[in-house]
């Protein structure tokens, strides 16, 4: 479960930060696209909700990456 955990001493922290950041950005973009797509028209998009949803998705992505991400080898 904790394979490639950032808290392990043999995991390269710089590689982990890069991989986790890329994952978080991708997750935020996907959440934003999903929120925008849920609105009927672009005029009906509540951009505050889109931004808060994207940021929350990014935070959750970083927190789940603490357990480990496959992109970072031990």
PDB file of N, CA and C in Angstrom:
ATOM      1  N   UNK A   1       0.820  -1.196   0.000  1.00  0.00           N
ATOM      2  CA  UNK A   1       0.000   0.000   0.000  1.00  0.00           C
ATOM      3  C   UNK A   1       0.864   1.260   0.000  1.00  0.00           C
ATOM      4  N   UNK A   2       1.933   1.263   0.744  1.00  0.00           N
ATOM      5  CA  UNK A   2       2.764   2.448   0.829  1.00  0.00           C
ATOM      6  C   UNK A   2       4.002   2.345  -0.048  1.00  0.00           C
ATOM      7  N   UNK A   3       3.882   1.647  -1.171  1.00  0.00           N
ATOM      8  CA  UNK A   3       4.988   1.561  -2.117  1.00  0.00           C
ATOM      9  C   UNK A   3       5.199   2.944  -2.737  1.00  0.00           C
ATOM     10  N   UNK A   4       6.418   3.375  -2.796  1.00  0.00           N
ATOM     11  CA  UNK A   4       6.796   4.683  -3.332  1.00  0.00           C
ATOM     12  C   UNK A   4       6.196   5.843  -2.542  1.00  0.00           C
ATOM     13  N   UNK A   5       5.986   5.646  -1.253  1.00  0.00           N
ATOM     14  CA  UNK A   5       5.471   6.701  -0.381  1.00  0.00           C
ATOM     15  C   UNK A   5       6.526   7.800  -0.268  1.00  0.00           C
ATOM     16  N   UNK A   6       6.101   9.036  -0.282  1.00  0.00           N
ATOM     17  CA  UNK A   6       7.036  10.157  -0.209  1.00  0.00           C
ATOM     18  C   UNK A   6       7.769  10.185   1.130  1.00  0.00           C
ATOM     19  N   UNK A   7       7.221   9.562   2.141  1.00  0.00           N
ATOM     20  CA  UNK A   7       7.835   9.576   3.465  1.00  0.00           C
ATOM     21  C   UNK A   7       8.950   8.547   3.611  1.00  0.00           C
ATOM     22  N   UNK A   8       9.109   7.666   2.623  1.00  0.00           N
ATOM     23  CA  UNK A   8      10.184   6.674   2.675  1.00  0.00           C
ATOM     24  C   UNK A   8      11.506   7.357   2.321  1.00  0.00           C
ATOM     25  N   UNK A   9      12.569   7.021   3.050  1.00  0.00           N
ATOM     26  CA  UNK A   9      13.847   7.696   2.794  1.00  0.00           C
ATOM     27  C   UNK A   9      14.460   7.384   1.430  1.00  0.00           C
ATOM     28  N   UNK A  10      14.113   6.268   0.818  1.00  0.00           N
ATOM     29  CA  UNK A  10      14.730   5.917  -0.459  1.00  0.00           C
ATOM     30  C   UNK A  10      13.970   6.453  -1.677  1.00  0.00           C
ATOM     31  N   UNK A  11      12.920   7.238  -1.463  1.00  0.00           N
ATOM     32  CA  UNK A  11      12.171   7.837  -2.571  1.00  0.00           C
ATOM     33  C   UNK A  11      12.759   9.218  -2.867  1.00  0.00           C
ATOM     34  N   UNK A  12      13.035   9.476  -4.140  1.00  0.00           N
ATOM     35  CA  UNK A  12      13.576  10.764  -4.569  1.00  0.00           C
ATOM     36  C   UNK A  12      12.478  11.823  -4.453  1.00  0.00           C
ATOM     37  N   UNK A  13      12.651  12.760  -3.530  1.00  0.00           N
ATOM     38  CA  UNK A  13      11.621  13.749  -3.246  1.00  0.00           C
ATOM     39  C   UNK A  13      11.371  14.683  -4.429  1.00  0.00           C
ATOM     40  N   UNK A  14      12.420  15.063  -5.130  1.00  0.00           N
ATOM     41  CA  UNK A  14      12.253  15.959  -6.277  1.00  0.00           C
ATOM     42  C   UNK A  14      11.410  15.286  -7.365  1.00  0.00           C
ATOM     43  N   UNK A  15      11.708  14.030  -7.670  1.00  0.00           N
ATOM     44  CA  UNK A  15      10.913  13.298  -8.667  1.00  0.00           C
ATOM     45  C   UNK A  15       9.473  13.157  -8.197  1.00  0.00           C
ATOM     46  N   UNK A  16       9.292  12.898  -6.899  1.00  0.00           N
ATOM     47  CA  UNK A  16       7.948  12.739  -6.354  1.00  0.00           C
ATOM     48  C   UNK A  16       7.160  14.040  -6.499  1.00  0.00           C
ATOM     49  N   UNK A  17       7.792  15.167  -6.170  1.00  0.00           N
ATOM     50  CA  UNK A  17       7.105  16.459  -6.261  1.00  0.00           C
ATOM     51  C   UNK A  17       6.698  16.748  -7.704  1.00  0.00           C
ATOM     52  N   UNK A  18       7.596  16.477  -8.653  1.00  0.00           N
ATOM     53  CA  UNK A  18       7.262  16.692 -10.068  1.00  0.00           C
ATOM     54  C   UNK A  18       6.098  15.807 -10.498  1.00  0.00           C
ATOM     55  N   UNK A  19       6.173  14.524 -10.174  1.00  0.00           N
ATOM     56  CA  UNK A  19       5.119  13.584 -10.582  1.00  0.00           C
ATOM     57  C   UNK A  19       3.789  13.929  -9.920  1.00  0.00           C
ATOM     58  N   UNK A  20       3.824  14.259  -8.627  1.00  0.00           N
ATOM     59  CA  UNK A  20       2.587  14.605  -7.918  1.00  0.00           C
ATOM     60  C   UNK A  20       2.004  15.909  -8.457  1.00  0.00           C
ATOM     61  N   UNK A  21       2.860  16.860  -8.789  1.00  0.00           N
ATOM     62  CA  UNK A  21       2.389  18.125  -9.357  1.00  0.00           C
ATOM     63  C   UNK A  21       1.726  17.930 -10.708  1.00  0.00           C
ATOM     64  N   UNK A  22       2.339  17.114 -11.555  1.00  0.00           N
ATOM     65  CA  UNK A  22       1.751  16.833 -12.870  1.00  0.00           C
ATOM     66  C   UNK A  22       0.406  16.145 -12.715  1.00  0.00           C
ATOM     67  N   UNK A  23       0.341  15.177 -11.794  1.00  0.00           N
ATOM     68  CA  UNK A  23      -0.942  14.491 -11.556  1.00  0.00           C
ATOM     69  C   UNK A  23      -1.998  15.459 -11.052  1.00  0.00           C
ATOM     70  N   UNK A  24      -1.612  16.356 -10.135  1.00  0.00           N
ATOM     71  CA  UNK A  24      -2.567  17.312  -9.575  1.00  0.00           C
ATOM     72  C   UNK A  24      -3.083  18.265 -10.651  1.00  0.00           C
ATOM     73  N   UNK A  25      -2.187  18.742 -11.519  1.00  0.00           N
ATOM     74  CA  UNK A  25      -2.607  19.653 -12.589  1.00  0.00           C
ATOM     75  C   UNK A  25      -3.561  18.953 -13.554  1.00  0.00           C
ATOM     76  N   UNK A  26      -3.252  17.716 -13.908  1.00  0.00           N
ATOM     77  CA  UNK A  26      -4.143  16.962 -14.796  1.00  0.00           C
ATOM     78  C   UNK A  26      -5.506  16.748 -14.141  1.00  0.00           C
ATOM     79  N   UNK A  27      -5.502  16.418 -12.856  1.00  0.00           N
ATOM     80  CA  UNK A  27      -6.759  16.196 -12.138  1.00  0.00           C
ATOM     81  C   UNK A  27      -7.570  17.481 -12.058  1.00  0.00           C
ATOM     82  N   UNK A  28      -6.890  18.607 -11.803  1.00  0.00           N
ATOM     83  CA  UNK A  28      -7.585  19.891 -11.736  1.00  0.00           C
ATOM     84  C   UNK A  28      -8.212  20.241 -13.088  1.00  0.00           C
ATOM     85  N   UNK A  29      -7.484  19.993 -14.170  1.00  0.00           N
ATOM     86  CA  UNK A  29      -8.023  20.277 -15.505  1.00  0.00           C
ATOM     87  C   UNK A  29      -9.238  19.402 -15.800  1.00  0.00           C
ATOM     88  N   UNK A  30      -9.162  18.130 -15.427  1.00  0.00           N
ATOM     89  CA  UNK A  30     -10.289  17.232 -15.659  1.00  0.00           C
ATOM     90  C   UNK A  30     -11.506  17.659 -14.852  1.00  0.00           C
ATOM     91  N   UNK A  31     -11.291  18.084 -13.604  1.00  0.00           N
ATOM     92  CA  UNK A  31     -12.412  18.532 -12.774  1.00  0.00           C
ATOM     93  C   UNK A  31     -13.030  19.805 -13.343  1.00  0.00           C
ATOM     94  N   UNK A  32     -12.199  20.717 -13.821  1.00  0.00           N
ATOM     95  CA  UNK A  32     -12.715  21.958 -14.404  1.00  0.00           C
ATOM     96  C   UNK A  32     -13.514  21.670 -15.671  1.00  0.00           C
ATOM     97  N   UNK A  33     -12.998  20.793 -16.515  1.00  0.00           N
ATOM     98  CA  UNK A  33     -13.715  20.439 -17.750  1.00  0.00           C
ATOM     99  C   UNK A  33     -15.055  19.787 -17.421  1.00  0.00           C
ATOM    100  N   UNK A  34     -15.061  18.931 -16.409  1.00  0.00           N
ATOM    101  CA  UNK A  34     -16.312  18.293 -15.997  1.00  0.00           C
ATOM    102  C   UNK A  34     -17.317  19.295 -15.456  1.00  0.00           C
ATOM    103  N   UNK A  35     -16.836  20.271 -14.685  1.00  0.00           N
ATOM    104  CA  UNK A  35     -17.731  21.289 -14.132  1.00  0.00           C
ATOM    105  C   UNK A  35     -18.292  22.182 -15.228  1.00  0.00           C
ATOM    106  N   UNK A  36     -17.443  22.553 -16.177  1.00  0.00           N
ATOM    107  CA  UNK A  36     -17.903  23.396 -17.282  1.00  0.00           C
ATOM    108  C   UNK A  36     -18.895  22.623 -18.149  1.00  0.00           C
ATOM    109  N   UNK A  37     -18.598  21.362 -18.385  1.00  0.00           N
ATOM    110  CA  UNK A  37     -19.487  20.541 -19.205  1.00  0.00           C
ATOM    111  C   UNK A  37     -20.845  20.308 -18.573  1.00  0.00           C
ATOM    112  N   UNK A  38     -20.915  20.410 -17.259  1.00  0.00           N
ATOM    113  CA  UNK A  38     -22.185  20.200 -16.572  1.00  0.00           C
ATOM    114  C   UNK A  38     -23.134  21.379 -16.762  1.00  0.00           C
ATOM    115  N   UNK A  39     -22.602  22.546 -17.098  1.00  0.00           N
ATOM    116  CA  UNK A  39     -23.453  23.717 -17.328  1.00  0.00           C
ATOM    117  C   UNK A  39     -24.065  23.617 -18.725  1.00  0.00           C
ATOM    118  N   UNK A  40     -25.278  24.106 -18.855  1.00  0.00           N
ATOM    119  CA  UNK A  40     -25.974  24.019 -20.144  1.00  0.00           C
ATOM    120  C   UNK A  40     -25.319  24.905 -21.201  1.00  0.00           C
ATOM    121  N   UNK A  41     -24.937  26.103 -20.826  1.00  0.00           N
ATOM    122  CA  UNK A  41     -24.257  27.027 -21.742  1.00  0.00           C
ATOM    123  C   UNK A  41     -23.095  27.674 -21.010  1.00  0.00           C
ATOM    124  N   UNK A  42     -22.152  28.230 -21.757  1.00  0.00           N
ATOM    125  CA  UNK A  42     -21.009  28.882 -21.114  1.00  0.00           C
ATOM    126  C   UNK A  42     -21.429  30.091 -20.291  1.00  0.00           C
ATOM    127  N   UNK A  43     -22.533  30.707 -20.653  1.00  0.00           N
ATOM    128  CA  UNK A  43     -23.027  31.841 -19.883  1.00  0.00           C
ATOM    129  C   UNK A  43     -23.557  31.430 -18.522  1.00  0.00           C
ATOM    130  N   UNK A  44     -23.908  30.158 -18.376  1.00  0.00           N
ATOM    131  CA  UNK A  44     -24.458  29.671 -17.115  1.00  0.00           C
ATOM    132  C   UNK A  44     -23.394  29.087 -16.192  1.00  0.00           C
ATOM    133  N   UNK A  45     -22.132  29.132 -16.614  1.00  0.00           N
ATOM    134  CA  UNK A  45     -21.065  28.545 -15.803  1.00  0.00           C
ATOM    135  C   UNK A  45     -20.771  29.461 -14.620  1.00  0.00           C
ATOM    136  N   UNK A  46     -20.796  28.901 -13.427  1.00  0.00           N
ATOM    137  CA  UNK A  46     -20.390  29.638 -12.228  1.00  0.00           C
ATOM    138  C   UNK A  46     -18.894  29.387 -12.040  1.00  0.00           C
ATOM    139  N   UNK A  47     -18.082  30.361 -12.444  1.00  0.00           N
ATOM    140  CA  UNK A  47     -16.636  30.172 -12.475  1.00  0.00           C
ATOM    141  C   UNK A  47     -16.033  29.995 -11.087  1.00  0.00           C
ATOM    142  N   UNK A  48     -16.672  30.543 -10.051  1.00  0.00           N
ATOM    143  CA  UNK A  48     -16.171  30.324  -8.682  1.00  0.00           C
ATOM    144  C   UNK A  48     -16.292  28.855  -8.301  1.00  0.00           C
ATOM    145  N   UNK A  49     -17.382  28.238  -8.681  1.00  0.00           N
ATOM    146  CA  UNK A  49     -17.562  26.814  -8.384  1.00  0.00           C
ATOM    147  C   UNK A  49     -16.592  25.974  -9.202  1.00  0.00           C
ATOM    148  N   UNK A  50     -16.376  26.343 -10.462  1.00  0.00           N
ATOM    149  CA  UNK A  50     -15.420  25.612 -11.300  1.00  0.00           C
ATOM    150  C   UNK A  50     -14.028  25.676 -10.678  1.00  0.00           C
ATOM    151  N   UNK A  51     -13.609  26.869 -10.269  1.00  0.00           N
ATOM    152  CA  UNK A  51     -12.275  27.033  -9.668  1.00  0.00           C
ATOM    153  C   UNK A  51     -12.157  26.290  -8.345  1.00  0.00           C
ATOM    154  N   UNK A  52     -13.169  26.391  -7.496  1.00  0.00           N
ATOM    155  CA  UNK A  52     -13.082  25.709  -6.204  1.00  0.00           C
ATOM    156  C   UNK A  52     -13.101  24.197  -6.375  1.00  0.00           C
ATOM    157  N   UNK A  53     -13.858  23.701  -7.338  1.00  0.00           N
ATOM    158  CA  UNK A  53     -13.870  22.264  -7.618  1.00  0.00           C
ATOM    159  C   UNK A  53     -12.510  21.796  -8.111  1.00  0.00           C
ATOM    160  N   UNK A  54     -11.897  22.571  -8.991  1.00  0.00           N
ATOM    161  CA  UNK A  54     -10.582  22.213  -9.527  1.00  0.00           C
ATOM    162  C   UNK A  54      -9.517  22.231  -8.435  1.00  0.00           C
ATOM    163  N   UNK A  55      -9.544  23.238  -7.583  1.00  0.00           N
ATOM    164  CA  UNK A  55      -8.560  23.317  -6.495  1.00  0.00           C
ATOM    165  C   UNK A  55      -8.747  22.163  -5.523  1.00  0.00           C
ATOM    166  N   UNK A  56      -9.975  21.864  -5.168  1.00  0.00           N
ATOM    167  CA  UNK A  56     -10.232  20.738  -4.270  1.00  0.00           C
ATOM    168  C   UNK A  56      -9.746  19.432  -4.885  1.00  0.00           C
ATOM    169  N   UNK A  57      -9.969  19.242  -6.168  1.00  0.00           N
ATOM    170  CA  UNK A  57      -9.489  18.030  -6.843  1.00  0.00           C
ATOM    171  C   UNK A  57      -7.969  17.958  -6.805  1.00  0.00           C
ATOM    172  N   UNK A  58      -7.304  19.093  -6.972  1.00  0.00           N
ATOM    173  CA  UNK A  58      -5.843  19.119  -6.892  1.00  0.00           C
ATOM    174  C   UNK A  58      -5.327  18.770  -5.513  1.00  0.00           C
ATOM    175  N   UNK A  59      -5.979  19.289  -4.485  1.00  0.00           N
ATOM    176  CA  UNK A  59      -5.578  18.977  -3.106  1.00  0.00           C
ATOM    177  C   UNK A  59      -5.771  17.493  -2.817  1.00  0.00           C
ATOM    178  N   UNK A  60      -6.889  16.948  -3.228  1.00  0.00           N
ATOM    179  CA  UNK A  60      -7.141  15.515  -3.022  1.00  0.00           C
ATOM    180  C   UNK A  60      -6.118  14.680  -3.781  1.00  0.00           C
ATOM    181  N   UNK A  61      -5.751  15.106  -4.977  1.00  0.00           N
ATOM    182  CA  UNK A  61      -4.744  14.390  -5.758  1.00  0.00           C
ATOM    183  C   UNK A  61      -3.401  14.369  -5.037  1.00  0.00           C
ATOM    184  N   UNK A  62      -2.985  15.503  -4.495  1.00  0.00           N
ATOM    185  CA  UNK A  62      -1.716  15.565  -3.753  1.00  0.00           C
ATOM    186  C   UNK A  62      -1.786  14.668  -2.522  1.00  0.00           C
ATOM    187  N   UNK A  63      -2.898  14.713  -1.802  1.00  0.00           N
ATOM    188  CA  UNK A  63      -3.022  13.894  -0.589  1.00  0.00           C
ATOM    189  C   UNK A  63      -3.005  12.403  -0.907  1.00  0.00           C
ATOM    190  N   UNK A  64      -3.626  12.000  -1.995  1.00  0.00           N
ATOM    191  CA  UNK A  64      -3.587  10.581  -2.349  1.00  0.00           C
ATOM    192  C   UNK A  64      -2.220  10.181  -2.892  1.00  0.00           C
ATOM    193  N   UNK A  65      -1.479  11.133  -3.432  1.00  0.00           N
ATOM    194  CA  UNK A  65      -0.133  10.836  -3.922  1.00  0.00           C
ATOM    195  C   UNK A  65       0.856  10.598  -2.790  1.00  0.00           C
ATOM    196  N   UNK A  66       0.541  11.068  -1.587  1.00  0.00           N
ATOM    197  CA  UNK A  66       1.434  10.847  -0.441  1.00  0.00           C
ATOM    198  C   UNK A  66       1.615   9.356  -0.199  1.00  0.00           C
ATOM    199  N   UNK A  67       0.579   8.580  -0.421  1.00  0.00           N
ATOM    200  CA  UNK A  67       0.651   7.132  -0.224  1.00  0.00           C
ATOM    201  C   UNK A  67       1.630   6.508  -1.204  1.00  0.00           C
ATOM    202  N   UNK A  68       1.709   7.046  -2.383  1.00  0.00           N
ATOM    203  CA  UNK A  68       2.642   6.547  -3.380  1.00  0.00           C
ATOM    204  C   UNK A  68       2.095   6.723  -4.774  1.00  0.00           C
ATOM    205  N   UNK A  69       3.013   6.982  -5.698  1.00  0.00           N
ATOM    206  CA  UNK A  69       2.626   7.114  -7.090  1.00  0.00           C
ATOM    207  C   UNK A  69       3.550   6.243  -7.926  1.00  0.00           C
ATOM    208  N   UNK A  70       2.982   5.562  -8.905  1.00  0.00           N
ATOM    209  CA  UNK A  70       3.776   4.597  -9.668  1.00  0.00           C
ATOM    210  C   UNK A  70       4.850   5.233 -10.546  1.00  0.00           C
ATOM    211  N   UNK A  71       4.741   6.520 -10.821  1.00  0.00           N
ATOM    212  CA  UNK A  71       5.732   7.166 -11.678  1.00  0.00           C
ATOM    213  C   UNK A  71       7.101   7.283 -11.011  1.00  0.00           C
ATOM    214  N   UNK A  72       7.131   7.211  -9.693  1.00  0.00           N
ATOM    215  CA  UNK A  72       8.388   7.376  -8.958  1.00  0.00           C
ATOM    216  C   UNK A  72       8.890   6.008  -8.531  1.00  0.00           C
ATOM    217  N   UNK A  73      10.041   5.647  -9.045  1.00  0.00           N
ATOM    218  CA  UNK A  73      10.657   4.369  -8.676  1.00  0.00           C
ATOM    219  C   UNK A  73      11.332   4.516  -7.317  1.00  0.00           C
ATOM    220  N   UNK A  74      11.480   3.404  -6.640  1.00  0.00           N
ATOM    221  CA  UNK A  74      12.175   3.437  -5.351  1.00  0.00           C
ATOM    222  C   UNK A  74      13.654   3.616  -5.560  1.00  0.00           C
TER     223      UNK A  74
END
